[in-house]
Amino acid sequence: QEGLLTKLSGRGYIVRQVTQAEISGSIEVRGVLEGLAARQAAENTLSK
């Protein structure tokens, strides 16, 4: 699910080749999304 393994058609898995572009892109997207969440949480005010 994390994109580090690929399931084979039969049994087992193989280690997937991961590129720097994939890593950079996914982390940057998460930063943008979690940053937005933090900003909106501040604007909404946390519950007790």
ModelCIF file with pLDDT and N, C-alpha, C, O atoms, coordinates in Angstrom:
data_MODEL
#
_entry.id   MODEL 
#
_entity.id                         1 
_entity.type                       polymer 
_entity.pdbx_number_of_molecules   1 
#
_entity_poly.entity_id                      1 
_entity_poly.type                           'polypeptide(L)' 
_entity_poly.nstd_linkage                   no 
_entity_poly.nstd_monomer                   no 
_entity_poly.pdbx_seq_one_letter_code       QEGLLTKLSGRGYIVRQVTQAEISGSIEVRGVLEGLAARQAAENTLSK 
_entity_poly.pdbx_seq_one_letter_code_can   QEGLLTKLSGRGYIVRQVTQAEISGSIEVRGVLEGLAARQAAENTLSK 
_entity_poly.pdbx_strand_id                 A 
#
loop_
_entity_poly_seq.entity_id 
_entity_poly_seq.num 
_entity_poly_seq.mon_id 
_entity_poly_seq.hetero 
1 1  GLN n 
1 2  GLU n 
1 3  GLY n 
1 4  LEU n 
1 5  LEU n 
1 6  THR n 
1 7  LYS n 
1 8  LEU n 
1 9  SER n 
1 10 GLY n 
1 11 ARG n 
1 12 GLY n 
1 13 TYR n 
1 14 ILE n 
1 15 VAL n 
1 16 ARG n 
1 17 GLN n 
1 18 VAL n 
1 19 THR n 
1 20 GLN n 
1 21 ALA n 
1 22 GLU n 
1 23 ILE n 
1 24 SER n 
1 25 GLY n 
1 26 SER n 
1 27 ILE n 
1 28 GLU n 
1 29 VAL n 
1 30 ARG n 
1 31 GLY n 
1 32 VAL n 
1 33 LEU n 
1 34 GLU n 
1 35 GLY n 
1 36 LEU n 
1 37 ALA n 
1 38 ALA n 
1 39 ARG n 
1 40 GLN n 
1 41 ALA n 
1 42 ALA n 
1 43 GLU n 
1 44 ASN n 
1 45 THR n 
1 46 LEU n 
1 47 SER n 
1 48 LYS n 
#
_struct_asym.id          A 
_struct_asym.entity_id   1 
#
loop_
_ma_qa_metric.id 
_ma_qa_metric.mode 
_ma_qa_metric.name 
_ma_qa_metric.software_group_id 
_ma_qa_metric.type 
1 global pLDDT . pLDDT 
2 local  pLDDT . pLDDT 
#
_ma_qa_metric_global.metric_id      1 
_ma_qa_metric_global.metric_value   90.00 
_ma_qa_metric_global.model_id       1 
_ma_qa_metric_global.ordinal_id     1 
#
loop_
_ma_qa_metric_local.label_asym_id 
_ma_qa_metric_local.label_comp_id 
_ma_qa_metric_local.label_seq_id 
_ma_qa_metric_local.metric_id 
_ma_qa_metric_local.metric_value 
_ma_qa_metric_local.model_id 
_ma_qa_metric_local.ordinal_id 
A GLN 1  2 86.00 1 1  
A GLU 2  2 84.00 1 2  
A GLY 3  2 85.00 1 3  
A LEU 4  2 88.00 1 4  
A LEU 5  2 92.00 1 5  
A THR 6  2 92.00 1 6  
A LYS 7  2 93.00 1 7  
A LEU 8  2 92.00 1 8  
A SER 9  2 87.00 1 9  
A GLY 10 2 79.00 1 10 
A ARG 11 2 84.00 1 11 
A GLY 12 2 90.00 1 12 
A TYR 13 2 94.00 1 13 
A ILE 14 2 94.00 1 14 
A VAL 15 2 92.00 1 15 
A ARG 16 2 89.00 1 16 
A GLN 17 2 84.00 1 17 
A VAL 18 2 79.00 1 18 
A THR 19 2 77.00 1 19 
A GLN 20 2 75.00 1 20 
A ALA 21 2 80.00 1 21 
A GLU 22 2 81.00 1 22 
A ILE 23 2 78.00 1 23 
A SER 24 2 81.00 1 24 
A GLY 25 2 85.00 1 25 
A SER 26 2 84.00 1 26 
A ILE 27 2 85.00 1 27 
A GLU 28 2 88.00 1 28 
A VAL 29 2 90.00 1 29 
A ARG 30 2 91.00 1 30 
A GLY 31 2 92.00 1 31 
A VAL 32 2 95.00 1 32 
A LEU 33 2 96.00 1 33 
A GLU 34 2 96.00 1 34 
A GLY 35 2 97.00 1 35 
A LEU 36 2 98.00 1 36 
A ALA 37 2 98.00 1 37 
A ALA 38 2 98.00 1 38 
A ARG 39 2 98.00 1 39 
A GLN 40 2 98.00 1 40 
A ALA 41 2 98.00 1 41 
A ALA 42 2 98.00 1 42 
A GLU 43 2 97.00 1 43 
A ASN 44 2 97.00 1 44 
A THR 45 2 94.00 1 45 
A LEU 46 2 97.00 1 46 
A SER 47 2 97.00 1 47 
A LYS 48 2 97.00 1 48 
#
loop_
_atom_site.group_PDB 
_atom_site.id 
_atom_site.type_symbol 
_atom_site.label_atom_id 
_atom_site.label_alt_id 
_atom_site.label_comp_id 
_atom_site.label_asym_id 
_atom_site.label_entity_id 
_atom_site.label_seq_id 
_atom_site.pdbx_PDB_ins_code 
_atom_site.Cartn_x 
_atom_site.Cartn_y 
_atom_site.Cartn_z 
_atom_site.occupancy 
_atom_site.B_iso_or_equiv 
_atom_site.pdbx_formal_charge 
_atom_site.auth_seq_id 
_atom_site.auth_comp_id 
_atom_site.auth_asym_id 
_atom_site.auth_atom_id 
_atom_site.pdbx_PDB_model_num 
ATOM 1   N N  . GLN A 1 1  ? 0.820   -1.212  0.000  1.00 86.00 ? 1  GLN A N  1 
ATOM 2   C CA . GLN A 1 1  ? 0.000   0.000   0.000  1.00 86.00 ? 1  GLN A CA 1 
ATOM 3   C C  . GLN A 1 1  ? 0.852   1.259   0.000  1.00 86.00 ? 1  GLN A C  1 
ATOM 4   O O  . GLN A 1 1  ? 0.452   2.291   -0.539 1.00 86.00 ? 1  GLN A O  1 
ATOM 5   N N  . GLU A 1 2  ? 2.021   1.167   0.604  1.00 84.00 ? 2  GLU A N  1 
ATOM 6   C CA . GLU A 1 2  ? 2.926   2.324   0.648  1.00 84.00 ? 2  GLU A CA 1 
ATOM 7   C C  . GLU A 1 2  ? 3.733   2.486   -0.634 1.00 84.00 ? 2  GLU A C  1 
ATOM 8   O O  . GLU A 1 2  ? 4.458   3.469   -0.788 1.00 84.00 ? 2  GLU A O  1 
ATOM 9   N N  . GLY A 1 3  ? 3.616   1.534   -1.551 1.00 85.00 ? 3  GLY A N  1 
ATOM 10  C CA . GLY A 1 3  ? 4.344   1.646   -2.805 1.00 85.00 ? 3  GLY A CA 1 
ATOM 11  C C  . GLY A 1 3  ? 5.766   1.136   -2.754 1.00 85.00 ? 3  GLY A C  1 
ATOM 12  O O  . GLY A 1 3  ? 6.566   1.437   -3.640 1.00 85.00 ? 3  GLY A O  1 
ATOM 13  N N  . LEU A 1 4  ? 6.100   0.348   -1.703 1.00 88.00 ? 4  LEU A N  1 
ATOM 14  C CA . LEU A 1 4  ? 7.452   -0.189  -1.592 1.00 88.00 ? 4  LEU A CA 1 
ATOM 15  C C  . LEU A 1 4  ? 7.560   -1.620  -2.098 1.00 88.00 ? 4  LEU A C  1 
ATOM 16  O O  . LEU A 1 4  ? 8.652   -2.077  -2.436 1.00 88.00 ? 4  LEU A O  1 
ATOM 17  N N  . LEU A 1 5  ? 6.440   -2.331  -2.155 1.00 92.00 ? 5  LEU A N  1 
ATOM 18  C CA . LEU A 1 5  ? 6.404   -3.696  -2.677 1.00 92.00 ? 5  LEU A CA 1 
ATOM 19  C C  . LEU A 1 5  ? 5.361   -3.803  -3.779 1.00 92.00 ? 5  LEU A C  1 
ATOM 20  O O  . LEU A 1 5  ? 4.403   -3.030  -3.818 1.00 92.00 ? 5  LEU A O  1 
ATOM 21  N N  . THR A 1 6  ? 5.552   -4.764  -4.670 1.00 92.00 ? 6  THR A N  1 
ATOM 22  C CA . THR A 1 6  ? 4.579   -5.066  -5.711 1.00 92.00 ? 6  THR A CA 1 
ATOM 23  C C  . THR A 1 6  ? 4.191   -6.531  -5.592 1.00 92.00 ? 6  THR A C  1 
ATOM 24  O O  . THR A 1 6  ? 5.061   -7.400  -5.538 1.00 92.00 ? 6  THR A O  1 
ATOM 25  N N  . LYS A 1 7  ? 2.893   -6.812  -5.549 1.00 93.00 ? 7  LYS A N  1 
ATOM 26  C CA . LYS A 1 7  ? 2.423   -8.193  -5.423 1.00 93.00 ? 7  LYS A CA 1 
ATOM 27  C C  . LYS A 1 7  ? 2.555   -8.910  -6.757 1.00 93.00 ? 7  LYS A C  1 
ATOM 28  O O  . LYS A 1 7  ? 2.185   -8.371  -7.800 1.00 93.00 ? 7  LYS A O  1 
ATOM 29  N N  . LEU A 1 8  ? 3.083   -10.122 -6.719 1.00 92.00 ? 8  LEU A N  1 
ATOM 30  C CA . LEU A 1 8  ? 3.216   -10.931 -7.919 1.00 92.00 ? 8  LEU A CA 1 
ATOM 31  C C  . LEU A 1 8  ? 1.901   -11.614 -8.249 1.00 92.00 ? 8  LEU A C  1 
ATOM 32  O O  . LEU A 1 8  ? 1.040   -11.762 -7.382 1.00 92.00 ? 8  LEU A O  1 
ATOM 33  N N  . SER A 1 9  ? 1.742   -12.029 -9.491 1.00 87.00 ? 9  SER A N  1 
ATOM 34  C CA . SER A 1 9  ? 0.496   -12.683 -9.904 1.00 87.00 ? 9  SER A CA 1 
ATOM 35  C C  . SER A 1 9  ? 0.284   -13.997 -9.169 1.00 87.00 ? 9  SER A C  1 
ATOM 36  O O  . SER A 1 9  ? -0.848  -14.394 -8.894 1.00 87.00 ? 9  SER A O  1 
ATOM 37  N N  . GLY A 1 10 ? 1.389   -14.668 -8.855 1.00 79.00 ? 10 GLY A N  1 
ATOM 38  C CA . GLY A 1 10 ? 1.284   -15.894 -8.072 1.00 79.00 ? 10 GLY A CA 1 
ATOM 39  C C  . GLY A 1 10 ? 1.400   -15.568 -6.606 1.00 79.00 ? 10 GLY A C  1 
ATOM 40  O O  . GLY A 1 10 ? 0.627   -14.767 -6.082 1.00 79.00 ? 10 GLY A O  1 
ATOM 41  N N  . ARG A 1 11 ? 2.362   -16.184 -5.933 1.00 84.00 ? 11 ARG A N  1 
ATOM 42  C CA . ARG A 1 11 ? 2.591   -15.881 -4.534 1.00 84.00 ? 11 ARG A CA 1 
ATOM 43  C C  . ARG A 1 11 ? 3.822   -15.001 -4.361 1.00 84.00 ? 11 ARG A C  1 
ATOM 44  O O  . ARG A 1 11 ? 4.752   -15.037 -5.167 1.00 84.00 ? 11 ARG A O  1 
ATOM 45  N N  . GLY A 1 12 ? 3.807   -14.230 -3.318 1.00 90.00 ? 12 GLY A N  1 
ATOM 46  C CA . GLY A 1 12 ? 4.963   -13.423 -2.991 1.00 90.00 ? 12 GLY A CA 1 
ATOM 47  C C  . GLY A 1 12 ? 4.906   -12.006 -3.535 1.00 90.00 ? 12 GLY A C  1 
ATOM 48  O O  . GLY A 1 12 ? 3.951   -11.600 -4.197 1.00 90.00 ? 12 GLY A O  1 
ATOM 49  N N  . TYR A 1 13 ? 5.966   -11.272 -3.229 1.00 94.00 ? 13 TYR A N  1 
ATOM 50  C CA . TYR A 1 13 ? 6.078   -9.867  -3.625 1.00 94.00 ? 13 TYR A CA 1 
ATOM 51  C C  . TYR A 1 13 ? 7.491   -9.626  -4.145 1.00 94.00 ? 13 TYR A C  1 
ATOM 52  O O  . TYR A 1 13 ? 8.395   -10.430 -3.918 1.00 94.00 ? 13 TYR A O  1 
ATOM 53  N N  . ILE A 1 14 ? 7.666   -8.513  -4.843 1.00 94.00 ? 14 ILE A N  1 
ATOM 54  C CA . ILE A 1 14 ? 9.008   -8.073  -5.209 1.00 94.00 ? 14 ILE A CA 1 
ATOM 55  C C  . ILE A 1 14 ? 9.192   -6.637  -4.691 1.00 94.00 ? 14 ILE A C  1 
ATOM 56  O O  . ILE A 1 14 ? 8.235   -5.871  -4.580 1.00 94.00 ? 14 ILE A O  1 
ATOM 57  N N  . VAL A 1 15 ? 10.433  -6.305  -4.382 1.00 92.00 ? 15 VAL A N  1 
ATOM 58  C CA . VAL A 1 15 ? 10.747  -4.956  -3.924 1.00 92.00 ? 15 VAL A CA 1 
ATOM 59  C C  . VAL A 1 15 ? 10.662  -4.017  -5.119 1.00 92.00 ? 15 VAL A C  1 
ATOM 60  O O  . VAL A 1 15 ? 11.297  -4.246  -6.149 1.00 92.00 ? 15 VAL A O  1 
ATOM 61  N N  . ARG A 1 16 ? 9.893   -2.987  -4.974 1.00 89.00 ? 16 ARG A N  1 
ATOM 62  C CA . ARG A 1 16 ? 9.656   -2.052  -6.067 1.00 89.00 ? 16 ARG A CA 1 
ATOM 63  C C  . ARG A 1 16 ? 10.760  -1.011  -6.137 1.00 89.00 ? 16 ARG A C  1 
ATOM 64  O O  . ARG A 1 16 ? 11.256  -0.570  -5.101 1.00 89.00 ? 16 ARG A O  1 
ATOM 65  N N  . GLN A 1 17 ? 11.148  -0.617  -7.326 1.00 84.00 ? 17 GLN A N  1 
ATOM 66  C CA . GLN A 1 17 ? 12.128  0.453   -7.498 1.00 84.00 ? 17 GLN A CA 1 
ATOM 67  C C  . GLN A 1 17 ? 11.441  1.784   -7.220 1.00 84.00 ? 17 GLN A C  1 
ATOM 68  O O  . GLN A 1 17 ? 10.417  2.111   -7.821 1.00 84.00 ? 17 GLN A O  1 
ATOM 69  N N  . VAL A 1 18 ? 12.021  2.536   -6.307 1.00 79.00 ? 18 VAL A N  1 
ATOM 70  C CA . VAL A 1 18 ? 11.448  3.822   -5.926 1.00 79.00 ? 18 VAL A CA 1 
ATOM 71  C C  . VAL A 1 18 ? 12.346  4.944   -6.429 1.00 79.00 ? 18 VAL A C  1 
ATOM 72  O O  . VAL A 1 18 ? 13.556  4.922   -6.203 1.00 79.00 ? 18 VAL A O  1 
ATOM 73  N N  . THR A 1 19 ? 11.763  5.916   -7.105 1.00 77.00 ? 19 THR A N  1 
ATOM 74  C CA . THR A 1 19 ? 12.548  7.023   -7.639 1.00 77.00 ? 19 THR A CA 1 
ATOM 75  C C  . THR A 1 19 ? 12.525  8.225   -6.695 1.00 77.00 ? 19 THR A C  1 
ATOM 76  O O  . THR A 1 19 ? 11.609  8.389   -5.890 1.00 77.00 ? 19 THR A O  1 
ATOM 77  N N  . GLN A 1 20 ? 13.552  9.052   -6.818 1.00 75.00 ? 20 GLN A N  1 
ATOM 78  C CA . GLN A 1 20 ? 13.615  10.264  -6.016 1.00 75.00 ? 20 GLN A CA 1 
ATOM 79  C C  . GLN A 1 20 ? 12.441  11.181  -6.324 1.00 75.00 ? 20 GLN A C  1 
ATOM 80  O O  . GLN A 1 20 ? 11.943  11.871  -5.434 1.00 75.00 ? 20 GLN A O  1 
ATOM 81  N N  . ALA A 1 21 ? 11.995  11.196  -7.577 1.00 80.00 ? 21 ALA A N  1 
ATOM 82  C CA . ALA A 1 21 ? 10.867  12.053  -7.958 1.00 80.00 ? 21 ALA A CA 1 
ATOM 83  C C  . ALA A 1 21 ? 9.600   11.646  -7.220 1.00 80.00 ? 21 ALA A C  1 
ATOM 84  O O  . ALA A 1 21 ? 8.833   12.501  -6.779 1.00 80.00 ? 21 ALA A O  1 
ATOM 85  N N  . GLU A 1 22 ? 9.379   10.339  -7.086 1.00 81.00 ? 22 GLU A N  1 
ATOM 86  C CA . GLU A 1 22 ? 8.207   9.860   -6.358 1.00 81.00 ? 22 GLU A CA 1 
ATOM 87  C C  . GLU A 1 22 ? 8.265   10.276  -4.894 1.00 81.00 ? 22 GLU A C  1 
ATOM 88  O O  . GLU A 1 22 ? 7.286   10.761  -4.328 1.00 81.00 ? 22 GLU A O  1 
ATOM 89  N N  . ILE A 1 23 ? 9.437   10.075  -4.295 1.00 78.00 ? 23 ILE A N  1 
ATOM 90  C CA . ILE A 1 23 ? 9.595   10.411  -2.885 1.00 78.00 ? 23 ILE A CA 1 
ATOM 91  C C  . ILE A 1 23 ? 9.388   11.915  -2.661 1.00 78.00 ? 23 ILE A C  1 
ATOM 92  O O  . ILE A 1 23 ? 8.641   12.320  -1.771 1.00 78.00 ? 23 ILE A O  1 
ATOM 93  N N  . SER A 1 24 ? 10.053  12.728  -3.473 1.00 81.00 ? 24 SER A N  1 
ATOM 94  C CA . SER A 1 24 ? 9.954   14.182  -3.315 1.00 81.00 ? 24 SER A CA 1 
ATOM 95  C C  . SER A 1 24 ? 8.525   14.667  -3.505 1.00 81.00 ? 24 SER A C  1 
ATOM 96  O O  . SER A 1 24 ? 8.026   15.483  -2.729 1.00 81.00 ? 24 SER A O  1 
ATOM 97  N N  . GLY A 1 25 ? 7.872   14.158  -4.542 1.00 85.00 ? 25 GLY A N  1 
ATOM 98  C CA . GLY A 1 25 ? 6.511   14.594  -4.844 1.00 85.00 ? 25 GLY A CA 1 
ATOM 99  C C  . GLY A 1 25 ? 5.519   14.228  -3.764 1.00 85.00 ? 25 GLY A C  1 
ATOM 100 O O  . GLY A 1 25 ? 4.691   15.049  -3.369 1.00 85.00 ? 25 GLY A O  1 
ATOM 101 N N  . SER A 1 26 ? 5.598   12.997  -3.283 1.00 84.00 ? 26 SER A N  1 
ATOM 102 C CA . SER A 1 26 ? 4.627   12.542  -2.282 1.00 84.00 ? 26 SER A CA 1 
ATOM 103 C C  . SER A 1 26 ? 4.800   13.285  -0.964 1.00 84.00 ? 26 SER A C  1 
ATOM 104 O O  . SER A 1 26 ? 3.814   13.614  -0.305 1.00 84.00 ? 26 SER A O  1 
ATOM 105 N N  . ILE A 1 27 ? 6.043   13.553  -0.572 1.00 85.00 ? 27 ILE A N  1 
ATOM 106 C CA . ILE A 1 27 ? 6.295   14.267  0.677  1.00 85.00 ? 27 ILE A CA 1 
ATOM 107 C C  . ILE A 1 27 ? 5.850   15.721  0.562  1.00 85.00 ? 27 ILE A C  1 
ATOM 108 O O  . ILE A 1 27 ? 5.279   16.274  1.501  1.00 85.00 ? 27 ILE A O  1 
ATOM 109 N N  . GLU A 1 28 ? 6.106   16.329  -0.568 1.00 88.00 ? 28 GLU A N  1 
ATOM 110 C CA . GLU A 1 28 ? 5.707   17.723  -0.760 1.00 88.00 ? 28 GLU A CA 1 
ATOM 111 C C  . GLU A 1 28 ? 4.193   17.866  -0.711 1.00 88.00 ? 28 GLU A C  1 
ATOM 112 O O  . GLU A 1 28 ? 3.669   18.812  -0.123 1.00 88.00 ? 28 GLU A O  1 
ATOM 113 N N  . VAL A 1 29 ? 3.488   16.915  -1.336 1.00 90.00 ? 29 VAL A N  1 
ATOM 114 C CA . VAL A 1 29 ? 2.021   16.951  -1.320 1.00 90.00 ? 29 VAL A CA 1 
ATOM 115 C C  . VAL A 1 29 ? 1.502   16.792  0.112  1.00 90.00 ? 29 VAL A C  1 
ATOM 116 O O  . VAL A 1 29 ? 0.579   17.494  0.525  1.00 90.00 ? 29 VAL A O  1 
ATOM 117 N N  . ARG A 1 30 ? 2.096   15.871  0.859  1.00 91.00 ? 30 ARG A N  1 
ATOM 118 C CA . ARG A 1 30 ? 1.654   15.693  2.244  1.00 91.00 ? 30 ARG A CA 1 
ATOM 119 C C  . ARG A 1 30 ? 1.889   16.960  3.060  1.00 91.00 ? 30 ARG A C  1 
ATOM 120 O O  . ARG A 1 30 ? 1.057   17.340  3.884  1.00 91.00 ? 30 ARG A O  1 
ATOM 121 N N  . GLY A 1 31 ? 3.034   17.616  2.826  1.00 92.00 ? 31 GLY A N  1 
ATOM 122 C CA . GLY A 1 31 ? 3.304   18.848  3.548  1.00 92.00 ? 31 GLY A CA 1 
ATOM 123 C C  . GLY A 1 31 ? 2.269   19.922  3.264  1.00 92.00 ? 31 GLY A C  1 
ATOM 124 O O  . GLY A 1 31 ? 1.833   20.627  4.174  1.00 92.00 ? 31 GLY A O  1 
ATOM 125 N N  . VAL A 1 32 ? 1.877   20.047  2.005  1.00 95.00 ? 32 VAL A N  1 
ATOM 126 C CA . VAL A 1 32 ? 0.866   21.038  1.629  1.00 95.00 ? 32 VAL A CA 1 
ATOM 127 C C  . VAL A 1 32 ? -0.471  20.720  2.289  1.00 95.00 ? 32 VAL A C  1 
ATOM 128 O O  . VAL A 1 32 ? -1.129  21.608  2.831  1.00 95.00 ? 32 VAL A O  1 
ATOM 129 N N  . LEU A 1 33 ? -0.871  19.449  2.241  1.00 96.00 ? 33 LEU A N  1 
ATOM 130 C CA . LEU A 1 33 ? -2.167  19.052  2.789  1.00 96.00 ? 33 LEU A CA 1 
ATOM 131 C C  . LEU A 1 33 ? -2.210  19.188  4.306  1.00 96.00 ? 33 LEU A C  1 
ATOM 132 O O  . LEU A 1 33 ? -3.187  19.689  4.862  1.00 96.00 ? 33 LEU A O  1 
ATOM 133 N N  . GLU A 1 34 ? -1.143  18.737  4.979  1.00 96.00 ? 34 GLU A N  1 
ATOM 134 C CA . GLU A 1 34 ? -1.138  18.838  6.439  1.00 96.00 ? 34 GLU A CA 1 
ATOM 135 C C  . GLU A 1 34 ? -0.956  20.288  6.891  1.00 96.00 ? 34 GLU A C  1 
ATOM 136 O O  . GLU A 1 34 ? -1.454  20.677  7.947  1.00 96.00 ? 34 GLU A O  1 
ATOM 137 N N  . GLY A 1 35 ? -0.249  21.080  6.097  1.00 97.00 ? 35 GLY A N  1 
ATOM 138 C CA . GLY A 1 35 ? -0.139  22.502  6.407  1.00 97.00 ? 35 GLY A CA 1 
ATOM 139 C C  . GLY A 1 35 ? -1.496  23.176  6.330  1.00 97.00 ? 35 GLY A C  1 
ATOM 140 O O  . GLY A 1 35 ? -1.843  23.992  7.185  1.00 97.00 ? 35 GLY A O  1 
ATOM 141 N N  . LEU A 1 36 ? -2.264  22.834  5.303  1.00 98.00 ? 36 LEU A N  1 
ATOM 142 C CA . LEU A 1 36 ? -3.616  23.376  5.153  1.00 98.00 ? 36 LEU A CA 1 
ATOM 143 C C  . LEU A 1 36 ? -4.489  22.957  6.329  1.00 98.00 ? 36 LEU A C  1 
ATOM 144 O O  . LEU A 1 36 ? -5.264  23.756  6.855  1.00 98.00 ? 36 LEU A O  1 
ATOM 145 N N  . ALA A 1 37 ? -4.355  21.682  6.742  1.00 98.00 ? 37 ALA A N  1 
ATOM 146 C CA . ALA A 1 37 ? -5.136  21.195  7.881  1.00 98.00 ? 37 ALA A CA 1 
ATOM 147 C C  . ALA A 1 37 ? -4.805  21.972  9.146  1.00 98.00 ? 37 ALA A C  1 
ATOM 148 O O  . ALA A 1 37 ? -5.702  22.324  9.911  1.00 98.00 ? 37 ALA A O  1 
ATOM 149 N N  . ALA A 1 38 ? -3.523  22.242  9.371  1.00 98.00 ? 38 ALA A N  1 
ATOM 150 C CA . ALA A 1 38 ? -3.107  22.987  10.557 1.00 98.00 ? 38 ALA A CA 1 
ATOM 151 C C  . ALA A 1 38 ? -3.649  24.418  10.530 1.00 98.00 ? 38 ALA A C  1 
ATOM 152 O O  . ALA A 1 38 ? -4.103  24.936  11.550 1.00 98.00 ? 38 ALA A O  1 
ATOM 153 N N  . ARG A 1 39 ? -3.597  25.043  9.368  1.00 98.00 ? 39 ARG A N  1 
ATOM 154 C CA . ARG A 1 39 ? -4.109  26.419  9.258  1.00 98.00 ? 39 ARG A CA 1 
ATOM 155 C C  . ARG A 1 39 ? -5.606  26.465  9.532  1.00 98.00 ? 39 ARG A C  1 
ATOM 156 O O  . ARG A 1 39 ? -6.085  27.334  10.260 1.00 98.00 ? 39 ARG A O  1 
ATOM 157 N N  . GLN A 1 40 ? -6.340  25.524  8.946  1.00 98.00 ? 40 GLN A N  1 
ATOM 158 C CA . GLN A 1 40 ? -7.786  25.530  9.152  1.00 98.00 ? 40 GLN A CA 1 
ATOM 159 C C  . GLN A 1 40 ? -8.156  25.143  10.579 1.00 98.00 ? 40 GLN A C  1 
ATOM 160 O O  . GLN A 1 40 ? -9.156  25.622  11.113 1.00 98.00 ? 40 GLN A O  1 
ATOM 161 N N  . ALA A 1 41 ? -7.355  24.278  11.200 1.00 98.00 ? 41 ALA A N  1 
ATOM 162 C CA . ALA A 1 41 ? -7.590  23.927  12.604 1.00 98.00 ? 41 ALA A CA 1 
ATOM 163 C C  . ALA A 1 41 ? -7.430  25.165  13.487 1.00 98.00 ? 41 ALA A C  1 
ATOM 164 O O  . ALA A 1 41 ? -8.198  25.373  14.426 1.00 98.00 ? 41 ALA A O  1 
ATOM 165 N N  . ALA A 1 42 ? -6.421  25.983  13.173 1.00 98.00 ? 42 ALA A N  1 
ATOM 166 C CA . ALA A 1 42 ? -6.204  27.216  13.932 1.00 98.00 ? 42 ALA A CA 1 
ATOM 167 C C  . ALA A 1 42 ? -7.353  28.199  13.727 1.00 98.00 ? 42 ALA A C  1 
ATOM 168 O O  . ALA A 1 42 ? -7.772  28.881  14.662 1.00 98.00 ? 42 ALA A O  1 
ATOM 169 N N  . GLU A 1 43 ? -7.851  28.263  12.515 1.00 97.00 ? 43 GLU A N  1 
ATOM 170 C CA . GLU A 1 43 ? -8.950  29.184  12.207 1.00 97.00 ? 43 GLU A CA 1 
ATOM 171 C C  . GLU A 1 43 ? -10.253 28.723  12.843 1.00 97.00 ? 43 GLU A C  1 
ATOM 172 O O  . GLU A 1 43 ? -11.085 29.544  13.228 1.00 97.00 ? 43 GLU A O  1 
ATOM 173 N N  . ASN A 1 44 ? -10.431 27.396  12.954 1.00 97.00 ? 44 ASN A N  1 
ATOM 174 C CA . ASN A 1 44 ? -11.679 26.859  13.505 1.00 97.00 ? 44 ASN A CA 1 
ATOM 175 C C  . ASN A 1 44 ? -11.708 26.880  15.028 1.00 97.00 ? 44 ASN A C  1 
ATOM 176 O O  . ASN A 1 44 ? -12.784 26.918  15.625 1.00 97.00 ? 44 ASN A O  1 
ATOM 177 N N  . THR A 1 45 ? -10.552 26.856  15.653 1.00 94.00 ? 45 THR A N  1 
ATOM 178 C CA . THR A 1 45 ? -10.392 26.747  17.111 1.00 94.00 ? 45 THR A CA 1 
ATOM 179 C C  . THR A 1 45 ? -10.619 25.312  17.560 1.00 94.00 ? 45 THR A C  1 
ATOM 180 O O  . THR A 1 45 ? -11.654 24.709  17.274 1.00 94.00 ? 45 THR A O  1 
ATOM 181 N N  . LEU A 1 46 ? -9.639  24.783  18.264 1.00 97.00 ? 46 LEU A N  1 
ATOM 182 C CA . LEU A 1 46 ? -9.717  23.405  18.750 1.00 97.00 ? 46 LEU A CA 1 
ATOM 183 C C  . LEU A 1 46 ? -10.828 23.266  19.783 1.00 97.00 ? 46 LEU A C  1 
ATOM 184 O O  . LEU A 1 46 ? -11.106 24.187  20.552 1.00 97.00 ? 46 LEU A O  1 
ATOM 185 N N  . SER A 1 47 ? -11.464 22.082  19.781 1.00 97.00 ? 47 SER A N  1 
ATOM 186 C CA . SER A 1 47 ? -12.436 21.799  20.825 1.00 97.00 ? 47 SER A CA 1 
ATOM 187 C C  . SER A 1 47 ? -11.686 21.518  22.125 1.00 97.00 ? 47 SER A C  1 
ATOM 188 O O  . SER A 1 47 ? -10.476 21.290  22.114 1.00 97.00 ? 47 SER A O  1 
ATOM 189 N N  . LYS A 1 48 ? -12.401 21.534  23.227 1.00 97.00 ? 48 LYS A N  1 
ATOM 190 C CA . LYS A 1 48 ? -11.777 21.240  24.513 1.00 97.00 ? 48 LYS A CA 1 
ATOM 191 C C  . LYS A 1 48 ? -11.215 19.827  24.532 1.00 97.00 ? 48 LYS A C  1 
ATOM 192 O O  . LYS A 1 48 ? -10.649 19.401  25.540 1.00 97.00 ? 48 LYS A O  1 
#
